[in-house]
Each structure stands twice: as C-alpha cells, then as structure tokens.
Amino acid sequence: MEDSKKHQGLRRQLINTLREKGISSEPVLMTMLNTPRHWFMDQGLINFSYEDQAYPIAANQTISQPYTVAFQLQLLELIAGHKVLEIGTGSGYQTAILLGITSHVYTLERQKELFKKTQLLFNKLNLRPKRVIFGDGYKGLPDAAPFDRIIVTAGAPEVPQNLLQQLKVGGKLVIPVGQKQQQMMRFTRTSEKSFDKETFGTFQFVPLLGDKN
C-alpha cells in the first residue's frame, strides 16, 4: 500500500504535535512515525489521517486520537521481547504500533465485523501478531497468560479482575476506567497478591463490550 512523501511529511508534523503535548517516549514516537495511519482509516477519511483526532470506523467504533494512543503506549513502557495483550483491536492501527516495538502481540476484538475486516488488513499489510482473537475482553486470554503488558482500548466501568490476574509479577495493565468519561489507570503487579495503582488524565473511550453486555 502507498506511503508517499506527503504522508511521511504529515506524520513528522503529527509527531512534533505529540511532542508539544508532552509525549516524550522515543520508542513510541519513532514507531508512530514509521506506522502509516492512513492504511487503517476508512477511504472517505484518509485526508484526515494525520489530524490529532479520533474518527469513526466500522461497527460504531473509532480509531483513537493519536495523542491518546501515544499516551497509553508511553504509560505501558513496552520494550522488545515483551509479551503484550491488546484488548480492542479496532482498526488495527495500535496493533501495528505494538508490533513495531515487540513481536509478541496478542490482540482481541469483540466486534465480529471489525475482527474480520482487520484480519484481512493484517494479511494485506503482512502484519503478524501472534494471535488475533474474536472474544470477550473482560475475560482476557487465559490460555496465553501471563503477559508482561496488557493494554485496553475501550472504557471499562471497573477494572476486570481477570486482566489483573493475567499479568506477570512486574507486569503492567493500562486501562481507561469509568462510565461516560474515564480515568486512565496503570496497575503494576508487585507480587502474586498485590498491585500498585496510578491514575492519570481523563479521556473518553467507546465502552468495553463483553458477554455481560
């Protein structure tokens, strides 16, 4: 798929915008610089691909604002070799960024339409997550646990205990928690039975869907 000099220039401008907004993680910024967002946008919105805005995709979902993606990934502190679970594949854009940092990516999507569409796109782009799963994000992926990192891209009314239990000791979960608006939270597993909790800014995400919904 095409990635023109114009697209690359627009990405550089976007990265400068993210720096100005406080994103400082070089691995995140450089991976976003090398990940064409327009490949993951609906055709009618491609001209807006490098605006720092969220846009609609299939199944009444959205491709997240680049700042939000960068903010979550900066909190995640992902490094090469980490095994990461993404809850909410969505457009596949963030999955591609995760794959730019580590090859051990497992991604789960609840919306069947998006799951099928993104699988086809990954094949077309030769992106190779370890697994792309259609399933309930509240349950996580116990048969592949434990994970070094878990990232959730939809708002949960409370923190799913299943996800906390699927972290390795030393592992981190980044998740937006709340109803209409969410607080970005990071949980670090400090022992088999204990977790540190940190709270960051307020964001707005589509709701996390599961069998309970």
N, C-alpha and C. Protein backbone atom coordinates (compact mmCIF):
# COMPACT_ATOMS: atom_id res chain seq x y z
N MET A 1 0.84 -1.19 0.00
CA MET A 1 0.00 0.00 0.00
C MET A 1 0.88 1.25 0.00
N GLU A 2 0.34 2.31 -0.57
CA GLU A 2 1.14 3.53 -0.78
C GLU A 2 1.45 4.23 0.54
N ASP A 3 2.67 4.73 0.64
CA ASP A 3 3.07 5.63 1.73
C ASP A 3 3.95 6.71 1.11
N SER A 4 3.32 7.78 0.67
CA SER A 4 4.00 8.81 -0.12
C SER A 4 4.83 9.74 0.76
N LYS A 5 5.66 10.56 0.10
CA LYS A 5 6.44 11.57 0.83
C LYS A 5 5.51 12.54 1.55
N LYS A 6 4.36 12.82 0.94
CA LYS A 6 3.38 13.69 1.59
C LYS A 6 2.91 13.07 2.90
N HIS A 7 2.56 11.79 2.86
CA HIS A 7 2.11 11.10 4.09
C HIS A 7 3.21 11.14 5.15
N GLN A 8 4.44 10.88 4.72
CA GLN A 8 5.56 10.86 5.67
C GLN A 8 5.79 12.23 6.29
N GLY A 9 5.64 13.28 5.48
CA GLY A 9 5.77 14.64 6.00
C GLY A 9 4.68 14.98 7.00
N LEU A 10 3.46 14.54 6.71
CA LEU A 10 2.35 14.78 7.63
C LEU A 10 2.56 14.03 8.94
N ARG A 11 3.15 12.83 8.86
CA ARG A 11 3.45 12.09 10.08
C ARG A 11 4.50 12.81 10.93
N ARG A 12 5.49 13.37 10.27
CA ARG A 12 6.50 14.13 11.02
C ARG A 12 5.86 15.31 11.76
N GLN A 13 4.93 15.98 11.08
CA GLN A 13 4.22 17.09 11.73
C GLN A 13 3.41 16.58 12.92
N LEU A 14 2.77 15.43 12.75
CA LEU A 14 1.99 14.84 13.85
C LEU A 14 2.89 14.52 15.04
N ILE A 15 4.04 13.94 14.78
CA ILE A 15 4.97 13.60 15.86
C ILE A 15 5.41 14.86 16.59
N ASN A 16 5.66 15.95 15.86
CA ASN A 16 6.01 17.22 16.51
C ASN A 16 4.88 17.70 17.41
N THR A 17 3.63 17.54 16.94
CA THR A 17 2.47 17.91 17.75
C THR A 17 2.42 17.09 19.03
N LEU A 18 2.67 15.79 18.92
CA LEU A 18 2.65 14.91 20.10
C LEU A 18 3.74 15.30 21.09
N ARG A 19 4.91 15.67 20.58
CA ARG A 19 5.99 16.13 21.47
C ARG A 19 5.54 17.38 22.23
N GLU A 20 4.92 18.32 21.50
CA GLU A 20 4.46 19.56 22.12
C GLU A 20 3.42 19.30 23.20
N LYS A 21 2.66 18.21 23.05
CA LYS A 21 1.63 17.86 24.03
C LYS A 21 2.18 17.03 25.19
N GLY A 22 3.48 16.76 25.18
CA GLY A 22 4.09 16.11 26.33
C GLY A 22 4.50 14.66 26.15
N ILE A 23 4.33 14.11 24.96
CA ILE A 23 4.78 12.74 24.72
C ILE A 23 6.30 12.76 24.52
N SER A 24 7.01 11.98 25.33
CA SER A 24 8.48 12.04 25.31
C SER A 24 9.13 10.69 25.04
N SER A 25 8.36 9.61 24.98
CA SER A 25 8.93 8.28 24.76
C SER A 25 9.41 8.15 23.32
N GLU A 26 10.72 8.06 23.13
CA GLU A 26 11.26 7.95 21.77
C GLU A 26 10.83 6.66 21.07
N PRO A 27 10.81 5.50 21.75
CA PRO A 27 10.32 4.29 21.06
C PRO A 27 8.90 4.44 20.54
N VAL A 28 8.02 5.07 21.34
CA VAL A 28 6.63 5.29 20.90
C VAL A 28 6.60 6.26 19.72
N LEU A 29 7.27 7.39 19.85
CA LEU A 29 7.23 8.41 18.79
C LEU A 29 7.83 7.88 17.48
N MET A 30 8.95 7.18 17.57
CA MET A 30 9.59 6.69 16.35
C MET A 30 8.77 5.59 15.68
N THR A 31 8.12 4.75 16.50
CA THR A 31 7.28 3.71 15.91
C THR A 31 6.05 4.32 15.27
N MET A 32 5.46 5.34 15.89
CA MET A 32 4.32 6.02 15.27
C MET A 32 4.74 6.74 14.00
N LEU A 33 5.95 7.29 13.99
CA LEU A 33 6.46 7.95 12.79
C LEU A 33 6.55 6.97 11.62
N ASN A 34 6.85 5.72 11.93
CA ASN A 34 7.03 4.70 10.89
C ASN A 34 5.78 3.87 10.62
N THR A 35 4.64 4.25 11.23
CA THR A 35 3.39 3.50 11.05
C THR A 35 2.37 4.37 10.31
N PRO A 36 2.09 4.07 9.04
CA PRO A 36 1.13 4.88 8.27
C PRO A 36 -0.30 4.74 8.81
N ARG A 37 -0.81 5.78 9.44
CA ARG A 37 -2.17 5.73 9.98
C ARG A 37 -3.20 5.66 8.86
N HIS A 38 -2.89 6.23 7.69
CA HIS A 38 -3.90 6.26 6.61
C HIS A 38 -4.23 4.85 6.11
N TRP A 39 -3.38 3.88 6.35
CA TRP A 39 -3.68 2.50 5.97
C TRP A 39 -4.85 1.92 6.78
N PHE A 40 -5.14 2.53 7.92
CA PHE A 40 -6.13 1.99 8.84
C PHE A 40 -7.42 2.82 8.88
N MET A 41 -7.49 3.85 8.05
CA MET A 41 -8.65 4.75 8.01
C MET A 41 -9.61 4.32 6.92
N ASP A 42 -10.89 4.63 7.11
CA ASP A 42 -11.86 4.42 6.04
C ASP A 42 -11.53 5.36 4.88
N GLN A 43 -11.84 4.91 3.67
CA GLN A 43 -11.43 5.62 2.45
C GLN A 43 -11.85 7.09 2.46
N GLY A 44 -13.06 7.35 2.91
CA GLY A 44 -13.57 8.72 2.88
C GLY A 44 -12.91 9.66 3.87
N LEU A 45 -12.11 9.12 4.77
CA LEU A 45 -11.48 9.94 5.82
C LEU A 45 -9.96 10.00 5.70
N ILE A 46 -9.42 9.44 4.63
CA ILE A 46 -7.96 9.33 4.50
C ILE A 46 -7.27 10.69 4.57
N ASN A 47 -7.91 11.73 4.03
CA ASN A 47 -7.29 13.06 4.05
C ASN A 47 -7.12 13.62 5.47
N PHE A 48 -7.81 13.00 6.43
CA PHE A 48 -7.73 13.46 7.82
C PHE A 48 -6.82 12.57 8.67
N SER A 49 -6.11 11.65 8.04
CA SER A 49 -5.38 10.61 8.77
C SER A 49 -4.38 11.16 9.78
N TYR A 50 -3.78 12.32 9.50
CA TYR A 50 -2.72 12.81 10.38
C TYR A 50 -3.14 14.02 11.20
N GLU A 51 -4.47 14.20 11.29
CA GLU A 51 -5.02 15.12 12.28
C GLU A 51 -5.00 14.41 13.64
N ASP A 52 -4.78 15.15 14.69
CA ASP A 52 -4.77 14.55 16.03
C ASP A 52 -6.19 14.46 16.56
N GLN A 53 -6.98 13.61 15.89
CA GLN A 53 -8.39 13.44 16.20
C GLN A 53 -8.77 11.97 16.08
N ALA A 54 -9.82 11.58 16.80
CA ALA A 54 -10.43 10.26 16.61
C ALA A 54 -11.42 10.35 15.46
N TYR A 55 -11.58 9.24 14.72
CA TYR A 55 -12.52 9.20 13.61
C TYR A 55 -13.27 7.88 13.62
N PRO A 56 -14.50 7.87 13.07
CA PRO A 56 -15.28 6.63 13.06
C PRO A 56 -14.69 5.58 12.13
N ILE A 57 -14.85 4.32 12.55
CA ILE A 57 -14.55 3.17 11.69
C ILE A 57 -15.78 2.28 11.68
N ALA A 58 -15.66 1.04 11.34
CA ALA A 58 -16.81 0.14 11.26
C ALA A 58 -17.38 -0.15 12.65
N ALA A 59 -18.62 -0.66 12.67
CA ALA A 59 -19.28 -1.17 13.88
C ALA A 59 -19.42 -0.12 14.98
N ASN A 60 -19.63 1.14 14.58
CA ASN A 60 -19.82 2.24 15.53
C ASN A 60 -18.65 2.40 16.49
N GLN A 61 -17.46 2.05 16.03
CA GLN A 61 -16.24 2.21 16.83
C GLN A 61 -15.41 3.35 16.24
N THR A 62 -14.28 3.64 16.87
CA THR A 62 -13.43 4.73 16.39
C THR A 62 -11.97 4.28 16.32
N ILE A 63 -11.22 4.95 15.44
CA ILE A 63 -9.76 4.88 15.50
C ILE A 63 -9.34 5.99 16.45
N SER A 64 -8.60 5.64 17.50
CA SER A 64 -8.32 6.59 18.57
C SER A 64 -7.49 7.77 18.09
N GLN A 65 -7.64 8.88 18.81
CA GLN A 65 -6.80 10.05 18.59
C GLN A 65 -5.33 9.65 18.78
N PRO A 66 -4.43 10.06 17.89
CA PRO A 66 -3.02 9.70 18.04
C PRO A 66 -2.44 10.06 19.41
N TYR A 67 -2.83 11.21 19.96
CA TYR A 67 -2.33 11.56 21.29
C TYR A 67 -2.72 10.51 22.33
N THR A 68 -3.96 10.04 22.25
CA THR A 68 -4.42 9.02 23.20
C THR A 68 -3.64 7.73 23.05
N VAL A 69 -3.40 7.32 21.80
CA VAL A 69 -2.60 6.12 21.54
C VAL A 69 -1.21 6.29 22.15
N ALA A 70 -0.59 7.43 21.87
CA ALA A 70 0.77 7.68 22.37
C ALA A 70 0.80 7.75 23.89
N PHE A 71 -0.21 8.36 24.49
CA PHE A 71 -0.28 8.49 25.95
C PHE A 71 -0.34 7.12 26.60
N GLN A 72 -1.23 6.26 26.08
CA GLN A 72 -1.35 4.91 26.64
C GLN A 72 -0.06 4.11 26.46
N LEU A 73 0.51 4.20 25.26
CA LEU A 73 1.72 3.42 24.99
C LEU A 73 2.90 3.92 25.83
N GLN A 74 2.96 5.21 26.08
CA GLN A 74 4.02 5.74 26.94
C GLN A 74 3.88 5.18 28.36
N LEU A 75 2.64 5.11 28.86
CA LEU A 75 2.41 4.53 30.19
C LEU A 75 2.74 3.04 30.22
N LEU A 76 2.55 2.38 29.10
CA LEU A 76 2.75 0.92 29.04
C LEU A 76 4.22 0.53 29.22
N GLU A 77 5.13 1.39 28.79
CA GLU A 77 6.57 1.13 28.91
C GLU A 77 6.94 -0.22 28.28
N LEU A 78 6.48 -0.41 27.07
CA LEU A 78 6.71 -1.65 26.32
C LEU A 78 8.12 -1.66 25.73
N ILE A 79 8.78 -2.81 25.80
CA ILE A 79 10.10 -2.96 25.18
C ILE A 79 10.12 -4.23 24.33
N ALA A 80 11.11 -4.32 23.47
CA ALA A 80 11.26 -5.50 22.63
C ALA A 80 11.36 -6.75 23.49
N GLY A 81 10.65 -7.80 23.07
CA GLY A 81 10.65 -9.05 23.81
C GLY A 81 9.49 -9.20 24.76
N HIS A 82 8.84 -8.09 25.14
CA HIS A 82 7.67 -8.18 26.00
C HIS A 82 6.53 -8.91 25.28
N LYS A 83 5.78 -9.65 26.06
CA LYS A 83 4.56 -10.31 25.58
C LYS A 83 3.38 -9.44 26.00
N VAL A 84 2.62 -8.95 25.01
CA VAL A 84 1.58 -7.96 25.29
C VAL A 84 0.23 -8.43 24.76
N LEU A 85 -0.82 -8.17 25.55
CA LEU A 85 -2.20 -8.43 25.16
C LEU A 85 -2.90 -7.10 24.93
N GLU A 86 -3.47 -6.94 23.75
CA GLU A 86 -4.26 -5.75 23.42
C GLU A 86 -5.73 -6.13 23.45
N ILE A 87 -6.50 -5.43 24.28
CA ILE A 87 -7.94 -5.64 24.35
C ILE A 87 -8.60 -4.55 23.51
N GLY A 88 -9.14 -4.93 22.35
CA GLY A 88 -9.75 -3.98 21.43
C GLY A 88 -8.85 -3.72 20.24
N THR A 89 -8.85 -4.65 19.29
CA THR A 89 -8.01 -4.50 18.09
C THR A 89 -8.43 -3.27 17.30
N GLY A 90 -9.75 -3.04 17.21
CA GLY A 90 -10.26 -1.88 16.49
C GLY A 90 -9.81 -1.86 15.05
N SER A 91 -9.28 -0.73 14.62
CA SER A 91 -8.82 -0.57 13.23
C SER A 91 -7.54 -1.35 12.95
N GLY A 92 -6.81 -1.72 14.00
CA GLY A 92 -5.51 -2.37 13.83
C GLY A 92 -4.33 -1.41 13.90
N TYR A 93 -4.61 -0.11 13.98
CA TYR A 93 -3.53 0.89 13.99
C TYR A 93 -2.61 0.72 15.20
N GLN A 94 -3.20 0.62 16.38
CA GLN A 94 -2.36 0.47 17.56
C GLN A 94 -1.67 -0.89 17.57
N THR A 95 -2.32 -1.92 17.04
CA THR A 95 -1.68 -3.23 16.93
C THR A 95 -0.40 -3.12 16.13
N ALA A 96 -0.46 -2.39 15.02
CA ALA A 96 0.72 -2.21 14.17
C ALA A 96 1.84 -1.49 14.93
N ILE A 97 1.47 -0.52 15.76
CA ILE A 97 2.48 0.19 16.55
C ILE A 97 3.10 -0.76 17.58
N LEU A 98 2.27 -1.55 18.24
CA LEU A 98 2.79 -2.53 19.19
C LEU A 98 3.78 -3.47 18.51
N LEU A 99 3.42 -3.92 17.30
CA LEU A 99 4.30 -4.83 16.55
C LEU A 99 5.60 -4.16 16.14
N GLY A 100 5.60 -2.84 16.07
CA GLY A 100 6.83 -2.12 15.77
C GLY A 100 7.80 -2.10 16.94
N ILE A 101 7.30 -2.47 18.14
CA ILE A 101 8.14 -2.49 19.34
C ILE A 101 8.47 -3.92 19.77
N THR A 102 7.49 -4.81 19.73
CA THR A 102 7.69 -6.21 20.12
C THR A 102 6.93 -7.12 19.16
N SER A 103 7.47 -8.30 18.92
CA SER A 103 6.80 -9.24 18.01
C SER A 103 5.78 -10.12 18.74
N HIS A 104 5.75 -10.03 20.07
CA HIS A 104 4.90 -10.93 20.86
C HIS A 104 3.58 -10.24 21.20
N VAL A 105 2.75 -10.02 20.19
CA VAL A 105 1.50 -9.27 20.34
C VAL A 105 0.31 -10.21 20.16
N TYR A 106 -0.58 -10.21 21.15
CA TYR A 106 -1.85 -10.93 21.09
C TYR A 106 -2.93 -9.86 21.12
N THR A 107 -3.89 -9.93 20.22
CA THR A 107 -4.91 -8.87 20.16
C THR A 107 -6.30 -9.48 20.05
N LEU A 108 -7.23 -8.89 20.80
CA LEU A 108 -8.57 -9.46 20.95
C LEU A 108 -9.61 -8.40 20.59
N GLU A 109 -10.61 -8.80 19.79
CA GLU A 109 -11.66 -7.88 19.35
C GLU A 109 -13.03 -8.52 19.59
N ARG A 110 -13.96 -7.71 20.11
CA ARG A 110 -15.32 -8.21 20.43
C ARG A 110 -16.29 -8.03 19.27
N GLN A 111 -16.03 -7.08 18.38
CA GLN A 111 -16.94 -6.80 17.27
C GLN A 111 -16.57 -7.68 16.07
N LYS A 112 -17.50 -8.55 15.68
CA LYS A 112 -17.21 -9.51 14.61
C LYS A 112 -16.83 -8.82 13.30
N GLU A 113 -17.54 -7.74 12.97
CA GLU A 113 -17.27 -7.02 11.72
C GLU A 113 -15.83 -6.49 11.70
N LEU A 114 -15.42 -5.89 12.81
CA LEU A 114 -14.05 -5.36 12.89
C LEU A 114 -13.02 -6.48 12.90
N PHE A 115 -13.33 -7.55 13.61
CA PHE A 115 -12.41 -8.70 13.67
C PHE A 115 -12.11 -9.22 12.28
N LYS A 116 -13.14 -9.42 11.48
CA LYS A 116 -12.95 -9.95 10.12
C LYS A 116 -12.20 -8.94 9.24
N LYS A 117 -12.61 -7.68 9.32
CA LYS A 117 -12.00 -6.64 8.49
C LYS A 117 -10.52 -6.48 8.81
N THR A 118 -10.19 -6.48 10.09
CA THR A 118 -8.81 -6.25 10.49
C THR A 118 -7.93 -7.45 10.18
N GLN A 119 -8.47 -8.65 10.31
CA GLN A 119 -7.70 -9.84 9.91
C GLN A 119 -7.26 -9.75 8.45
N LEU A 120 -8.19 -9.35 7.59
CA LEU A 120 -7.87 -9.21 6.16
C LEU A 120 -6.80 -8.13 5.95
N LEU A 121 -6.93 -7.02 6.68
CA LEU A 121 -5.97 -5.93 6.54
C LEU A 121 -4.58 -6.36 7.01
N PHE A 122 -4.51 -7.07 8.13
CA PHE A 122 -3.22 -7.55 8.62
C PHE A 122 -2.54 -8.44 7.58
N ASN A 123 -3.32 -9.31 6.95
CA ASN A 123 -2.75 -10.18 5.90
C ASN A 123 -2.22 -9.35 4.73
N LYS A 124 -3.00 -8.34 4.35
CA LYS A 124 -2.61 -7.48 3.23
C LYS A 124 -1.33 -6.72 3.53
N LEU A 125 -1.17 -6.29 4.78
CA LEU A 125 -0.01 -5.49 5.19
C LEU A 125 1.15 -6.36 5.69
N ASN A 126 0.93 -7.67 5.70
CA ASN A 126 1.94 -8.61 6.20
C ASN A 126 2.30 -8.33 7.66
N LEU A 127 1.29 -7.95 8.44
CA LEU A 127 1.46 -7.78 9.88
C LEU A 127 1.14 -9.10 10.55
N ARG A 128 1.97 -9.52 11.50
CA ARG A 128 1.85 -10.86 12.05
C ARG A 128 1.81 -10.86 13.58
N PRO A 129 0.66 -10.47 14.17
CA PRO A 129 0.51 -10.71 15.61
C PRO A 129 0.60 -12.21 15.89
N LYS A 130 0.97 -12.57 17.11
CA LYS A 130 0.99 -13.98 17.48
C LYS A 130 -0.39 -14.61 17.32
N ARG A 131 -1.42 -13.86 17.77
CA ARG A 131 -2.80 -14.32 17.59
C ARG A 131 -3.72 -13.12 17.47
N VAL A 132 -4.74 -13.25 16.62
CA VAL A 132 -5.84 -12.28 16.52
C VAL A 132 -7.09 -13.05 16.91
N ILE A 133 -7.75 -12.62 17.98
CA ILE A 133 -8.81 -13.42 18.59
C ILE A 133 -10.12 -12.66 18.58
N PHE A 134 -11.21 -13.36 18.25
CA PHE A 134 -12.55 -12.82 18.45
C PHE A 134 -13.01 -13.30 19.81
N GLY A 135 -13.27 -12.36 20.74
CA GLY A 135 -13.65 -12.80 22.07
C GLY A 135 -13.97 -11.65 23.00
N ASP A 136 -14.21 -12.02 24.25
CA ASP A 136 -14.68 -11.11 25.30
C ASP A 136 -13.48 -10.51 26.04
N GLY A 137 -13.32 -9.20 25.91
CA GLY A 137 -12.19 -8.54 26.54
C GLY A 137 -12.17 -8.64 28.05
N TYR A 138 -13.35 -8.78 28.67
CA TYR A 138 -13.40 -8.91 30.12
C TYR A 138 -12.71 -10.19 30.59
N LYS A 139 -12.68 -11.19 29.73
CA LYS A 139 -12.08 -12.48 30.11
C LYS A 139 -10.59 -12.53 29.83
N GLY A 140 -10.10 -11.60 28.99
CA GLY A 140 -8.69 -11.65 28.63
C GLY A 140 -8.39 -12.86 27.77
N LEU A 141 -7.20 -13.40 27.96
CA LEU A 141 -6.77 -14.56 27.16
C LEU A 141 -5.99 -15.51 28.08
N PRO A 142 -6.72 -16.23 28.95
CA PRO A 142 -6.04 -17.03 29.97
C PRO A 142 -5.12 -18.11 29.41
N ASP A 143 -5.45 -18.66 28.23
CA ASP A 143 -4.61 -19.76 27.71
C ASP A 143 -3.25 -19.27 27.21
N ALA A 144 -3.08 -17.95 27.05
CA ALA A 144 -1.78 -17.41 26.64
C ALA A 144 -1.08 -16.64 27.77
N ALA A 145 -1.77 -16.48 28.89
CA ALA A 145 -1.20 -15.74 30.03
C ALA A 145 -0.05 -16.54 30.66
N PRO A 146 0.83 -15.86 31.42
CA PRO A 146 0.78 -14.45 31.82
C PRO A 146 1.44 -13.53 30.79
N PHE A 147 1.11 -12.25 30.91
CA PHE A 147 1.61 -11.22 29.99
C PHE A 147 2.49 -10.22 30.74
N ASP A 148 3.48 -9.68 30.02
CA ASP A 148 4.27 -8.58 30.57
C ASP A 148 3.47 -7.29 30.60
N ARG A 149 2.62 -7.12 29.59
CA ARG A 149 1.85 -5.89 29.45
C ARG A 149 0.45 -6.23 28.91
N ILE A 150 -0.55 -5.49 29.40
CA ILE A 150 -1.91 -5.56 28.86
C ILE A 150 -2.37 -4.12 28.65
N ILE A 151 -2.92 -3.85 27.47
CA ILE A 151 -3.44 -2.51 27.16
C ILE A 151 -4.88 -2.65 26.70
N VAL A 152 -5.75 -1.80 27.25
CA VAL A 152 -7.19 -1.84 26.95
C VAL A 152 -7.56 -0.55 26.24
N THR A 153 -8.24 -0.68 25.10
CA THR A 153 -8.53 0.49 24.26
C THR A 153 -10.01 0.85 24.25
N ALA A 154 -10.73 0.44 25.32
CA ALA A 154 -12.13 0.81 25.48
C ALA A 154 -12.37 1.04 26.97
N GLY A 155 -13.39 1.84 27.27
CA GLY A 155 -13.65 2.21 28.66
C GLY A 155 -14.38 1.13 29.42
N ALA A 156 -13.84 0.73 30.56
CA ALA A 156 -14.46 -0.28 31.42
C ALA A 156 -15.04 0.40 32.66
N PRO A 157 -16.26 0.02 33.08
CA PRO A 157 -16.83 0.63 34.28
C PRO A 157 -16.04 0.31 35.54
N GLU A 158 -15.37 -0.85 35.54
CA GLU A 158 -14.47 -1.21 36.62
C GLU A 158 -13.32 -2.03 36.03
N VAL A 159 -12.31 -2.25 36.81
CA VAL A 159 -11.14 -2.99 36.31
C VAL A 159 -11.44 -4.48 36.31
N PRO A 160 -11.39 -5.14 35.15
CA PRO A 160 -11.64 -6.59 35.12
C PRO A 160 -10.57 -7.35 35.89
N GLN A 161 -10.99 -8.09 36.90
CA GLN A 161 -10.03 -8.85 37.71
C GLN A 161 -9.30 -9.90 36.89
N ASN A 162 -9.97 -10.44 35.87
CA ASN A 162 -9.31 -11.43 35.01
C ASN A 162 -8.03 -10.86 34.40
N LEU A 163 -8.08 -9.59 34.00
CA LEU A 163 -6.91 -8.99 33.36
C LEU A 163 -5.77 -8.81 34.37
N LEU A 164 -6.11 -8.37 35.57
CA LEU A 164 -5.08 -8.23 36.60
C LEU A 164 -4.40 -9.57 36.88
N GLN A 165 -5.19 -10.63 36.92
CA GLN A 165 -4.64 -11.94 37.25
C GLN A 165 -3.82 -12.53 36.11
N GLN A 166 -3.94 -11.96 34.90
CA GLN A 166 -3.18 -12.47 33.76
C GLN A 166 -1.86 -11.73 33.56
N LEU A 167 -1.53 -10.82 34.49
CA LEU A 167 -0.23 -10.14 34.45
C LEU A 167 0.84 -10.97 35.14
N LYS A 168 2.05 -10.92 34.59
CA LYS A 168 3.21 -11.43 35.31
C LYS A 168 3.50 -10.52 36.50
N VAL A 169 4.19 -11.02 37.51
CA VAL A 169 4.71 -10.14 38.55
C VAL A 169 5.69 -9.17 37.88
N GLY A 170 5.49 -7.89 38.12
CA GLY A 170 6.24 -6.85 37.42
C GLY A 170 5.54 -6.33 36.18
N GLY A 171 4.47 -7.01 35.78
CA GLY A 171 3.72 -6.61 34.58
C GLY A 171 2.83 -5.40 34.82
N LYS A 172 2.42 -4.76 33.73
CA LYS A 172 1.61 -3.54 33.81
C LYS A 172 0.35 -3.66 32.96
N LEU A 173 -0.75 -3.15 33.50
CA LEU A 173 -2.03 -3.03 32.80
C LEU A 173 -2.35 -1.55 32.68
N VAL A 174 -2.61 -1.09 31.45
CA VAL A 174 -3.05 0.29 31.21
C VAL A 174 -4.48 0.23 30.71
N ILE A 175 -5.39 0.91 31.41
CA ILE A 175 -6.82 0.77 31.11
C ILE A 175 -7.57 2.06 31.48
N PRO A 176 -8.49 2.53 30.61
CA PRO A 176 -9.37 3.64 30.98
C PRO A 176 -10.58 3.11 31.76
N VAL A 177 -10.84 3.71 32.92
CA VAL A 177 -11.87 3.20 33.82
C VAL A 177 -12.87 4.30 34.14
N GLY A 178 -14.17 3.98 33.93
CA GLY A 178 -15.22 4.94 34.23
C GLY A 178 -16.40 4.74 33.30
N GLN A 179 -17.44 5.54 33.49
CA GLN A 179 -18.65 5.40 32.69
C GLN A 179 -18.60 6.34 31.49
N LYS A 180 -19.15 7.56 31.59
CA LYS A 180 -19.17 8.47 30.43
C LYS A 180 -17.77 8.99 30.10
N GLN A 181 -17.00 9.29 31.13
CA GLN A 181 -15.59 9.64 30.97
C GLN A 181 -14.77 8.67 31.79
N GLN A 182 -13.52 8.49 31.37
CA GLN A 182 -12.68 7.51 32.04
C GLN A 182 -11.40 8.14 32.56
N GLN A 183 -10.94 7.63 33.67
CA GLN A 183 -9.61 7.95 34.18
C GLN A 183 -8.64 6.92 33.62
N MET A 184 -7.53 7.39 33.06
CA MET A 184 -6.52 6.45 32.61
C MET A 184 -5.78 5.92 33.84
N MET A 185 -5.74 4.60 33.95
CA MET A 185 -5.14 3.98 35.12
C MET A 185 -4.05 3.00 34.70
N ARG A 186 -3.04 2.89 35.54
CA ARG A 186 -1.98 1.91 35.32
C ARG A 186 -1.80 1.08 36.59
N PHE A 187 -1.90 -0.23 36.42
CA PHE A 187 -1.71 -1.17 37.52
C PHE A 187 -0.41 -1.93 37.28
N THR A 188 0.42 -2.01 38.30
CA THR A 188 1.66 -2.79 38.23
C THR A 188 1.57 -3.91 39.25
N ARG A 189 1.76 -5.13 38.79
CA ARG A 189 1.69 -6.28 39.71
C ARG A 189 3.01 -6.38 40.47
N THR A 190 2.96 -6.19 41.78
CA THR A 190 4.17 -6.18 42.59
C THR A 190 4.44 -7.52 43.27
N SER A 191 3.41 -8.36 43.36
CA SER A 191 3.56 -9.72 43.89
C SER A 191 2.36 -10.52 43.41
N GLU A 192 2.28 -11.78 43.79
CA GLU A 192 1.14 -12.60 43.36
C GLU A 192 -0.19 -12.00 43.81
N LYS A 193 -0.20 -11.28 44.94
CA LYS A 193 -1.45 -10.81 45.51
C LYS A 193 -1.57 -9.29 45.58
N SER A 194 -0.58 -8.56 45.14
CA SER A 194 -0.65 -7.10 45.31
C SER A 194 -0.34 -6.35 44.02
N PHE A 195 -0.96 -5.16 43.91
CA PHE A 195 -0.84 -4.31 42.73
C PHE A 195 -0.68 -2.86 43.17
N ASP A 196 0.18 -2.14 42.49
CA ASP A 196 0.23 -0.69 42.64
C ASP A 196 -0.72 -0.07 41.63
N LYS A 197 -1.42 0.99 42.03
CA LYS A 197 -2.37 1.67 41.14
C LYS A 197 -1.95 3.13 40.98
N GLU A 198 -1.94 3.60 39.73
CA GLU A 198 -1.66 5.01 39.44
C GLU A 198 -2.77 5.54 38.54
N THR A 199 -3.14 6.80 38.75
CA THR A 199 -4.21 7.43 37.97
C THR A 199 -3.65 8.63 37.22
N PHE A 200 -4.04 8.72 35.95
CA PHE A 200 -3.53 9.79 35.09
C PHE A 200 -4.73 10.63 34.61
N GLY A 201 -4.70 11.18 33.39
CA GLY A 201 -5.71 12.12 32.96
C GLY A 201 -7.05 11.49 32.62
N THR A 202 -8.00 12.38 32.27
CA THR A 202 -9.35 11.98 31.88
C THR A 202 -9.45 11.87 30.37
N PHE A 203 -10.09 10.80 29.91
CA PHE A 203 -10.25 10.54 28.48
C PHE A 203 -11.67 10.07 28.22
N GLN A 204 -12.00 9.94 26.94
CA GLN A 204 -13.32 9.42 26.57
C GLN A 204 -13.14 8.32 25.53
N PHE A 205 -13.58 7.12 25.87
CA PHE A 205 -13.45 5.94 25.01
C PHE A 205 -14.83 5.34 24.75
N VAL A 206 -14.93 4.57 23.67
CA VAL A 206 -16.11 3.74 23.48
C VAL A 206 -16.12 2.69 24.59
N PRO A 207 -17.31 2.15 24.97
CA PRO A 207 -17.35 1.20 26.08
C PRO A 207 -16.75 -0.16 25.72
N LEU A 208 -16.13 -0.77 26.73
CA LEU A 208 -15.63 -2.13 26.58
C LEU A 208 -16.82 -3.09 26.59
N LEU A 209 -16.93 -3.89 25.55
CA LEU A 209 -18.04 -4.83 25.43
C LEU A 209 -17.61 -6.21 25.87
N GLY A 210 -18.57 -6.93 26.45
CA GLY A 210 -18.32 -8.32 26.84
C GLY A 210 -19.63 -9.07 26.85
N ASP A 211 -19.59 -10.31 27.29
CA ASP A 211 -20.81 -11.12 27.34
C ASP A 211 -21.85 -10.50 28.27
N LYS A 212 -21.35 -9.75 29.28
CA LYS A 212 -22.27 -9.10 30.22
C LYS A 212 -23.11 -8.04 29.51
N ASN A 213 -22.66 -7.53 28.35
CA ASN A 213 -23.39 -6.51 27.60
C ASN A 213 -24.30 -7.12 26.56
